[in-house]
Amino acid sequence: MNNEFEGLAIDMLNAMNSAKISEKVPDLKNLAMSEDGQRIKEKFADSDLVRKAMKSGDTGDLQRLLSSVLQTEEGQRLAKQISDMFK
């Protein structure tokens, strides 16, 4: 995703005001730049779905979007890595 999405993600993390998350920002960026992260990015590169869902704050749209990501092998691997990171 481009800088607009990165900015939205950083704003979201900052709003959560969690020291544990802020400590993991470099690791999360590395995951985003990983091969799996790049494949997910490519799947949504031409889509306005992420931006619209984040701007609207519609949790249903966000859940459907996340569900579609988690149905991919890449999304499942990334979710596992993120889960492990916060254990």
PDB file of N, CA and C in Angstrom:
ATOM      1  N   MET A   1       0.837  -1.145   0.000  1.00  0.00           N
ATOM      2  CA  MET A   1       0.000   0.000   0.000  1.00  0.00           C
ATOM      3  C   MET A   1       0.898   1.229   0.000  1.00  0.00           C
ATOM      4  N   ASN A   2       0.395   2.307  -0.464  1.00  0.00           N
ATOM      5  CA  ASN A   2       1.231   3.498  -0.574  1.00  0.00           C
ATOM      6  C   ASN A   2       1.316   4.235   0.761  1.00  0.00           C
ATOM      7  N   ASN A   3       1.937   5.403   0.757  1.00  0.00           N
ATOM      8  CA  ASN A   3       2.134   6.163   1.989  1.00  0.00           C
ATOM      9  C   ASN A   3       0.826   6.552   2.654  1.00  0.00           C
ATOM     10  N   GLU A   4      -0.239   6.741   1.867  1.00  0.00           N
ATOM     11  CA  GLU A   4      -1.535   7.087   2.448  1.00  0.00           C
ATOM     12  C   GLU A   4      -1.994   5.977   3.398  1.00  0.00           C
ATOM     13  N   PHE A   5      -1.861   4.724   2.974  1.00  0.00           N
ATOM     14  CA  PHE A   5      -2.264   3.613   3.817  1.00  0.00           C
ATOM     15  C   PHE A   5      -1.315   3.455   4.998  1.00  0.00           C
ATOM     16  N   GLU A   6      -0.040   3.690   4.770  1.00  0.00           N
ATOM     17  CA  GLU A   6       0.916   3.620   5.868  1.00  0.00           C
ATOM     18  C   GLU A   6       0.564   4.668   6.923  1.00  0.00           C
ATOM     19  N   GLY A   7       0.219   5.860   6.473  1.00  0.00           N
ATOM     20  CA  GLY A   7      -0.166   6.925   7.387  1.00  0.00           C
ATOM     21  C   GLY A   7      -1.419   6.573   8.170  1.00  0.00           C
ATOM     22  N   LEU A   8      -2.402   5.983   7.501  1.00  0.00           N
ATOM     23  CA  LEU A   8      -3.625   5.559   8.176  1.00  0.00           C
ATOM     24  C   LEU A   8      -3.323   4.487   9.222  1.00  0.00           C
ATOM     25  N   ALA A   9      -2.446   3.549   8.866  1.00  0.00           N
ATOM     26  CA  ALA A   9      -2.086   2.482   9.805  1.00  0.00           C
ATOM     27  C   ALA A   9      -1.356   3.049  11.016  1.00  0.00           C
ATOM     28  N   ILE A  10      -0.445   3.978  10.784  1.00  0.00           N
ATOM     29  CA  ILE A  10       0.290   4.592  11.896  1.00  0.00           C
ATOM     30  C   ILE A  10      -0.660   5.381  12.785  1.00  0.00           C
ATOM     31  N   ASP A  11      -1.581   6.125  12.185  1.00  0.00           N
ATOM     32  CA  ASP A  11      -2.584   6.858  12.973  1.00  0.00           C
ATOM     33  C   ASP A  11      -3.409   5.908  13.829  1.00  0.00           C
ATOM     34  N   MET A  12      -3.776   4.765  13.251  1.00  0.00           N
ATOM     35  CA  MET A  12      -4.567   3.786  13.983  1.00  0.00           C
ATOM     36  C   MET A  12      -3.764   3.228  15.161  1.00  0.00           C
ATOM     37  N   LEU A  13      -2.502   2.898  14.926  1.00  0.00           N
ATOM     38  CA  LEU A  13      -1.655   2.383  16.004  1.00  0.00           C
ATOM     39  C   LEU A  13      -1.461   3.426  17.095  1.00  0.00           C
ATOM     40  N   ASN A  14      -1.257   4.675  16.694  1.00  0.00           N
ATOM     41  CA  ASN A  14      -1.083   5.745  17.675  1.00  0.00           C
ATOM     42  C   ASN A  14      -2.347   5.947  18.501  1.00  0.00           C
ATOM     43  N   ALA A  15      -3.494   5.835  17.861  1.00  0.00           N
ATOM     44  CA  ALA A  15      -4.755   6.016  18.564  1.00  0.00           C
ATOM     45  C   ALA A  15      -4.966   4.926  19.606  1.00  0.00           C
ATOM     46  N   MET A  16      -4.392   3.768  19.382  1.00  0.00           N
ATOM     47  CA  MET A  16      -4.525   2.666  20.326  1.00  0.00           C
ATOM     48  C   MET A  16      -3.681   2.916  21.574  1.00  0.00           C
ATOM     49  N   ASN A  17      -2.703   3.820  21.458  1.00  0.00           N
ATOM     50  CA  ASN A  17      -1.879   4.249  22.582  1.00  0.00           C
ATOM     51  C   ASN A  17      -1.329   3.080  23.378  1.00  0.00           C
ATOM     52  N   SER A  18      -0.783   2.120  22.694  1.00  0.00           N
ATOM     53  CA  SER A  18      -0.251   0.949  23.357  1.00  0.00           C
ATOM     54  C   SER A  18       1.258   0.890  23.197  1.00  0.00           C
ATOM     55  N   ALA A  19       1.962   0.866  24.319  1.00  0.00           N
ATOM     56  CA  ALA A  19       3.420   0.799  24.283  1.00  0.00           C
ATOM     57  C   ALA A  19       3.873  -0.496  23.618  1.00  0.00           C
ATOM     58  N   LYS A  20       3.162  -1.581  23.874  1.00  0.00           N
ATOM     59  CA  LYS A  20       3.545  -2.863  23.297  1.00  0.00           C
ATOM     60  C   LYS A  20       3.489  -2.810  21.774  1.00  0.00           C
ATOM     61  N   ILE A  21       2.456  -2.181  21.230  1.00  0.00           N
ATOM     62  CA  ILE A  21       2.338  -2.071  19.774  1.00  0.00           C
ATOM     63  C   ILE A  21       3.421  -1.151  19.232  1.00  0.00           C
ATOM     64  N   SER A  22       3.637  -0.014  19.875  1.00  0.00           N
ATOM     65  CA  SER A  22       4.629   0.929  19.361  1.00  0.00           C
ATOM     66  C   SER A  22       6.024   0.320  19.364  1.00  0.00           C
ATOM     67  N   GLU A  23       6.302  -0.574  20.310  1.00  0.00           N
ATOM     68  CA  GLU A  23       7.598  -1.251  20.330  1.00  0.00           C
ATOM     69  C   GLU A  23       7.756  -2.183  19.135  1.00  0.00           C
ATOM     70  N   LYS A  24       6.660  -2.637  18.600  1.00  0.00           N
ATOM     71  CA  LYS A  24       6.681  -3.614  17.506  1.00  0.00           C
ATOM     72  C   LYS A  24       6.590  -2.983  16.122  1.00  0.00           C
ATOM     73  N   VAL A  25       6.488  -1.667  16.039  1.00  0.00           N
ATOM     74  CA  VAL A  25       6.333  -1.008  14.739  1.00  0.00           C
ATOM     75  C   VAL A  25       7.426  -1.427  13.746  1.00  0.00           C
ATOM     76  N   PRO A  26       8.703  -1.456  14.132  1.00  0.00           N
ATOM     77  CA  PRO A  26       9.719  -1.899  13.154  1.00  0.00           C
ATOM     78  C   PRO A  26       9.478  -3.327  12.665  1.00  0.00           C
ATOM     79  N   ASP A  27       9.079  -4.214  13.574  1.00  0.00           N
ATOM     80  CA  ASP A  27       8.798  -5.597  13.178  1.00  0.00           C
ATOM     81  C   ASP A  27       7.579  -5.675  12.260  1.00  0.00           C
ATOM     82  N   LEU A  28       6.566  -4.871  12.574  1.00  0.00           N
ATOM     83  CA  LEU A  28       5.370  -4.847  11.727  1.00  0.00           C
ATOM     84  C   LEU A  28       5.691  -4.307  10.330  1.00  0.00           C
ATOM     85  N   LYS A  29       6.557  -3.304  10.271  1.00  0.00           N
ATOM     86  CA  LYS A  29       6.976  -2.769   8.968  1.00  0.00           C
ATOM     87  C   LYS A  29       7.729  -3.833   8.171  1.00  0.00           C
ATOM     88  N   ASN A  30       8.573  -4.602   8.867  1.00  0.00           N
ATOM     89  CA  ASN A  30       9.297  -5.683   8.192  1.00  0.00           C
ATOM     90  C   ASN A  30       8.333  -6.717   7.629  1.00  0.00           C
ATOM     91  N   LEU A  31       7.290  -7.051   8.389  1.00  0.00           N
ATOM     92  CA  LEU A  31       6.282  -7.986   7.891  1.00  0.00           C
ATOM     93  C   LEU A  31       5.571  -7.417   6.666  1.00  0.00           C
ATOM     94  N   ALA A  32       5.259  -6.125   6.719  1.00  0.00           N
ATOM     95  CA  ALA A  32       4.582  -5.488   5.581  1.00  0.00           C
ATOM     96  C   ALA A  32       5.454  -5.521   4.327  1.00  0.00           C
ATOM     97  N   MET A  33       6.760  -5.451   4.515  1.00  0.00           N
ATOM     98  CA  MET A  33       7.680  -5.455   3.375  1.00  0.00           C
ATOM     99  C   MET A  33       8.088  -6.870   2.957  1.00  0.00           C
ATOM    100  N   SER A  34       7.670  -7.873   3.719  1.00  0.00           N
ATOM    101  CA  SER A  34       8.009  -9.258   3.407  1.00  0.00           C
ATOM    102  C   SER A  34       7.315  -9.698   2.116  1.00  0.00           C
ATOM    103  N   GLU A  35       7.710 -10.853   1.635  1.00  0.00           N
ATOM    104  CA  GLU A  35       7.105 -11.390   0.407  1.00  0.00           C
ATOM    105  C   GLU A  35       5.592 -11.559   0.579  1.00  0.00           C
ATOM    106  N   ASP A  36       5.169 -12.111   1.717  1.00  0.00           N
ATOM    107  CA  ASP A  36       3.729 -12.275   1.962  1.00  0.00           C
ATOM    108  C   ASP A  36       3.032 -10.929   2.047  1.00  0.00           C
ATOM    109  N   GLY A  37       3.653  -9.978   2.731  1.00  0.00           N
ATOM    110  CA  GLY A  37       3.068  -8.642   2.847  1.00  0.00           C
ATOM    111  C   GLY A  37       2.907  -7.981   1.490  1.00  0.00           C
ATOM    112  N   GLN A  38       3.905  -8.154   0.643  1.00  0.00           N
ATOM    113  CA  GLN A  38       3.845  -7.564  -0.689  1.00  0.00           C
ATOM    114  C   GLN A  38       2.770  -8.228  -1.552  1.00  0.00           C
ATOM    115  N   ARG A  39       2.588  -9.533  -1.390  1.00  0.00           N
ATOM    116  CA  ARG A  39       1.528 -10.221  -2.147  1.00  0.00           C
ATOM    117  C   ARG A  39       0.144  -9.717  -1.739  1.00  0.00           C
ATOM    118  N   ILE A  40      -0.049  -9.525  -0.428  1.00  0.00           N
ATOM    119  CA  ILE A  40      -1.329  -8.986   0.043  1.00  0.00           C
ATOM    120  C   ILE A  40      -1.515  -7.577  -0.510  1.00  0.00           C
ATOM    121  N   LYS A  41      -0.471  -6.789  -0.460  1.00  0.00           N
ATOM    122  CA  LYS A  41      -0.527  -5.416  -0.982  1.00  0.00           C
ATOM    123  C   LYS A  41      -0.932  -5.404  -2.452  1.00  0.00           C
ATOM    124  N   GLU A  42      -0.343  -6.301  -3.237  1.00  0.00           N
ATOM    125  CA  GLU A  42      -0.665  -6.371  -4.668  1.00  0.00           C
ATOM    126  C   GLU A  42      -2.133  -6.715  -4.897  1.00  0.00           C
ATOM    127  N   LYS A  43      -2.681  -7.563  -4.063  1.00  0.00           N
ATOM    128  CA  LYS A  43      -4.086  -7.957  -4.223  1.00  0.00           C
ATOM    129  C   LYS A  43      -5.032  -6.782  -4.027  1.00  0.00           C
ATOM    130  N   PHE A  44      -4.609  -5.801  -3.215  1.00  0.00           N
ATOM    131  CA  PHE A  44      -5.469  -4.665  -2.923  1.00  0.00           C
ATOM    132  C   PHE A  44      -4.965  -3.369  -3.543  1.00  0.00           C
ATOM    133  N   ALA A  45      -3.910  -3.439  -4.340  1.00  0.00           N
ATOM    134  CA  ALA A  45      -3.285  -2.236  -4.905  1.00  0.00           C
ATOM    135  C   ALA A  45      -4.260  -1.412  -5.739  1.00  0.00           C
ATOM    136  N   ASP A  46      -5.100  -2.056  -6.496  1.00  0.00           N
ATOM    137  CA  ASP A  46      -6.026  -1.335  -7.364  1.00  0.00           C
ATOM    138  C   ASP A  46      -7.397  -1.172  -6.724  1.00  0.00           C
ATOM    139  N   SER A  47      -7.475  -1.508  -5.463  1.00  0.00           N
ATOM    140  CA  SER A  47      -8.763  -1.481  -4.790  1.00  0.00           C
ATOM    141  C   SER A  47      -8.857  -0.288  -3.851  1.00  0.00           C
ATOM    142  N   ASP A  48     -10.018   0.300  -3.829  1.00  0.00           N
ATOM    143  CA  ASP A  48     -10.307   1.406  -2.930  1.00  0.00           C
ATOM    144  C   ASP A  48     -10.930   0.882  -1.630  1.00  0.00           C
ATOM    145  N   LEU A  49     -11.080  -0.432  -1.534  1.00  0.00           N
ATOM    146  CA  LEU A  49     -11.789  -1.030  -0.409  1.00  0.00           C
ATOM    147  C   LEU A  49     -11.156  -0.702   0.937  1.00  0.00           C
ATOM    148  N   VAL A  50      -9.830  -0.792   1.028  1.00  0.00           N
ATOM    149  CA  VAL A  50      -9.153  -0.564   2.299  1.00  0.00           C
ATOM    150  C   VAL A  50      -9.354   0.874   2.754  1.00  0.00           C
ATOM    151  N   ARG A  51      -9.094   1.806   1.865  1.00  0.00           N
ATOM    152  CA  ARG A  51      -9.228   3.219   2.224  1.00  0.00           C
ATOM    153  C   ARG A  51     -10.659   3.552   2.621  1.00  0.00           C
ATOM    154  N   LYS A  52     -11.615   3.088   1.843  1.00  0.00           N
ATOM    155  CA  LYS A  52     -13.020   3.371   2.143  1.00  0.00           C
ATOM    156  C   LYS A  52     -13.432   2.759   3.479  1.00  0.00           C
ATOM    157  N   ALA A  53     -13.015   1.536   3.718  1.00  0.00           N
ATOM    158  CA  ALA A  53     -13.386   0.868   4.963  1.00  0.00           C
ATOM    159  C   ALA A  53     -12.777   1.577   6.168  1.00  0.00           C
ATOM    160  N   MET A  54     -11.532   1.999   6.049  1.00  0.00           N
ATOM    161  CA  MET A  54     -10.883   2.687   7.166  1.00  0.00           C
ATOM    162  C   MET A  54     -11.485   4.067   7.392  1.00  0.00           C
ATOM    163  N   LYS A  55     -11.765   4.775   6.311  1.00  0.00           N
ATOM    164  CA  LYS A  55     -12.339   6.123   6.459  1.00  0.00           C
ATOM    165  C   LYS A  55     -13.751   6.077   7.010  1.00  0.00           C
ATOM    166  N   SER A  56     -14.528   5.104   6.570  1.00  0.00           N
ATOM    167  CA  SER A  56     -15.915   5.037   7.022  1.00  0.00           C
ATOM    168  C   SER A  56     -16.002   4.522   8.456  1.00  0.00           C
ATOM    169  N   GLY A  57     -14.998   3.751   8.855  1.00  0.00           N
ATOM    170  CA  GLY A  57     -15.029   3.176  10.192  1.00  0.00           C
ATOM    171  C   GLY A  57     -16.075   2.083  10.328  1.00  0.00           C
ATOM    172  N   ASP A  58     -16.593   1.635   9.211  1.00  0.00           N
ATOM    173  CA  ASP A  58     -17.606   0.579   9.226  1.00  0.00           C
ATOM    174  C   ASP A  58     -16.935  -0.741   9.601  1.00  0.00           C
ATOM    175  N   THR A  59     -17.189  -1.206  10.806  1.00  0.00           N
ATOM    176  CA  THR A  59     -16.524  -2.421  11.265  1.00  0.00           C
ATOM    177  C   THR A  59     -16.920  -3.636  10.437  1.00  0.00           C
ATOM    178  N   GLY A  60     -18.120  -3.643   9.906  1.00  0.00           N
ATOM    179  CA  GLY A  60     -18.540  -4.748   9.048  1.00  0.00           C
ATOM    180  C   GLY A  60     -17.688  -4.828   7.804  1.00  0.00           C
ATOM    181  N   ASP A  61     -17.446  -3.681   7.162  1.00  0.00           N
ATOM    182  CA  ASP A  61     -16.591  -3.647   5.978  1.00  0.00           C
ATOM    183  C   ASP A  61     -15.169  -4.078   6.331  1.00  0.00           C
ATOM    184  N   LEU A  62     -14.669  -3.591   7.461  1.00  0.00           N
ATOM    185  CA  LEU A  62     -13.313  -3.948   7.879  1.00  0.00           C
ATOM    186  C   LEU A  62     -13.217  -5.442   8.179  1.00  0.00           C
ATOM    187  N   GLN A  63     -14.232  -6.007   8.805  1.00  0.00           N
ATOM    188  CA  GLN A  63     -14.225  -7.438   9.103  1.00  0.00           C
ATOM    189  C   GLN A  63     -14.272  -8.276   7.828  1.00  0.00           C
ATOM    190  N   ARG A  64     -15.080  -7.861   6.865  1.00  0.00           N
ATOM    191  CA  ARG A  64     -15.160  -8.589   5.597  1.00  0.00           C
ATOM    192  C   ARG A  64     -13.825  -8.520   4.860  1.00  0.00           C
ATOM    193  N   LEU A  65     -13.207  -7.356   4.900  1.00  0.00           N
ATOM    194  CA  LEU A  65     -11.910  -7.179   4.250  1.00  0.00           C
ATOM    195  C   LEU A  65     -10.854  -8.046   4.921  1.00  0.00           C
ATOM    196  N   LEU A  66     -10.813  -8.023   6.236  1.00  0.00           N
ATOM    197  CA  LEU A  66      -9.859  -8.848   6.972  1.00  0.00           C
ATOM    198  C   LEU A  66     -10.114 -10.327   6.706  1.00  0.00           C
ATOM    199  N   SER A  67     -11.375 -10.705   6.663  1.00  0.00           N
ATOM    200  CA  SER A  67     -11.722 -12.095   6.389  1.00  0.00           C
ATOM    201  C   SER A  67     -11.210 -12.528   5.017  1.00  0.00           C
ATOM    202  N   SER A  68     -11.341 -11.651   4.034  1.00  0.00           N
ATOM    203  CA  SER A  68     -10.860 -12.004   2.691  1.00  0.00           C
ATOM    204  C   SER A  68      -9.344 -12.143   2.673  1.00  0.00           C
ATOM    205  N   VAL A  69      -8.640 -11.335   3.470  1.00  0.00           N
ATOM    206  CA  VAL A  69      -7.182 -11.451   3.564  1.00  0.00           C
ATOM    207  C   VAL A  69      -6.818 -12.758   4.260  1.00  0.00           C
ATOM    208  N   LEU A  70      -7.538 -13.086   5.328  1.00  0.00           N
ATOM    209  CA  LEU A  70      -7.216 -14.283   6.102  1.00  0.00           C
ATOM    210  C   LEU A  70      -7.578 -15.578   5.381  1.00  0.00           C
ATOM    211  N   GLN A  71      -8.311 -15.467   4.287  1.00  0.00           N
ATOM    212  CA  GLN A  71      -8.624 -16.648   3.492  1.00  0.00           C
ATOM    213  C   GLN A  71      -7.485 -17.007   2.543  1.00  0.00           C
ATOM    214  N   THR A  72      -6.476 -16.146   2.481  1.00  0.00           N
ATOM    215  CA  THR A  72      -5.322 -16.424   1.634  1.00  0.00           C
ATOM    216  C   THR A  72      -4.217 -17.054   2.477  1.00  0.00           C
ATOM    217  N   GLU A  73      -3.357 -17.825   1.837  1.00  0.00           N
ATOM    218  CA  GLU A  73      -2.225 -18.428   2.543  1.00  0.00           C
ATOM    219  C   GLU A  73      -1.313 -17.355   3.114  1.00  0.00           C
ATOM    220  N   GLU A  74      -1.094 -16.292   2.334  1.00  0.00           N
ATOM    221  CA  GLU A  74      -0.230 -15.206   2.795  1.00  0.00           C
ATOM    222  C   GLU A  74      -0.807 -14.539   4.033  1.00  0.00           C
ATOM    223  N   GLY A  75      -2.101 -14.275   3.998  1.00  0.00           N
ATOM    224  CA  GLY A  75      -2.761 -13.634   5.123  1.00  0.00           C
ATOM    225  C   GLY A  75      -2.708 -14.485   6.374  1.00  0.00           C
ATOM    226  N   GLN A  76      -2.870 -15.780   6.208  1.00  0.00           N
ATOM    227  CA  GLN A  76      -2.801 -16.680   7.353  1.00  0.00           C
ATOM    228  C   GLN A  76      -1.396 -16.696   7.958  1.00  0.00           C
ATOM    229  N   ARG A  77      -0.379 -16.715   7.100  1.00  0.00           N
ATOM    230  CA  ARG A  77       1.001 -16.694   7.610  1.00  0.00           C
ATOM    231  C   ARG A  77       1.293 -15.383   8.338  1.00  0.00           C
ATOM    232  N   LEU A  78       0.857 -14.267   7.749  1.00  0.00           N
ATOM    233  CA  LEU A  78       1.090 -12.970   8.391  1.00  0.00           C
ATOM    234  C   LEU A  78       0.356 -12.883   9.725  1.00  0.00           C
ATOM    235  N   ALA A  79      -0.873 -13.352   9.778  1.00  0.00           N
ATOM    236  CA  ALA A  79      -1.646 -13.314  11.020  1.00  0.00           C
ATOM    237  C   ALA A  79      -0.951 -14.137  12.105  1.00  0.00           C
ATOM    238  N   LYS A  80      -0.427 -15.287  11.732  1.00  0.00           N
ATOM    239  CA  LYS A  80       0.293 -16.135  12.694  1.00  0.00           C
ATOM    240  C   LYS A  80       1.537 -15.417  13.205  1.00  0.00           C
ATOM    241  N   GLN A  81       2.281 -14.784  12.304  1.00  0.00           N
ATOM    242  CA  GLN A  81       3.494 -14.061  12.712  1.00  0.00           C
ATOM    243  C   GLN A  81       3.148 -12.898  13.641  1.00  0.00           C
ATOM    244  N   ILE A  82       2.083 -12.195  13.340  1.00  0.00           N
ATOM    245  CA  ILE A  82       1.677 -11.068  14.194  1.00  0.00           C
ATOM    246  C   ILE A  82       1.234 -11.588  15.558  1.00  0.00           C
ATOM    247  N   SER A  83       0.469 -12.659  15.556  1.00  0.00           N
ATOM    248  CA  SER A  83       0.021 -13.256  16.811  1.00  0.00           C
ATOM    249  C   SER A  83       1.212 -13.688  17.663  1.00  0.00           C
ATOM    250  N   ASP A  84       2.168 -14.345  17.049  1.00  0.00           N
ATOM    251  CA  ASP A  84       3.376 -14.786  17.762  1.00  0.00           C
ATOM    252  C   ASP A  84       4.158 -13.606  18.306  1.00  0.00           C
ATOM    253  N   MET A  85       4.179 -12.528  17.558  1.00  0.00           N
ATOM    254  CA  MET A  85       4.922 -11.334  17.939  1.00  0.00           C
ATOM    255  C   MET A  85       4.397 -10.727  19.247  1.00  0.00           C
ATOM    256  N   PHE A  86       3.114 -10.844  19.485  1.00  0.00           N
ATOM    257  CA  PHE A  86       2.506 -10.208  20.644  1.00  0.00           C
ATOM    258  C   PHE A  86       2.248 -11.168  21.813  1.00  0.00           C
ATOM    259  N   LYS A  87       2.815 -12.365  21.734  1.00  0.00           N
ATOM    260  CA  LYS A  87       2.672 -13.322  22.848  1.00  0.00           C
ATOM    261  C   LYS A  87       3.626 -12.990  23.953  1.00  0.00           C
TER     262      LYS A  87
END
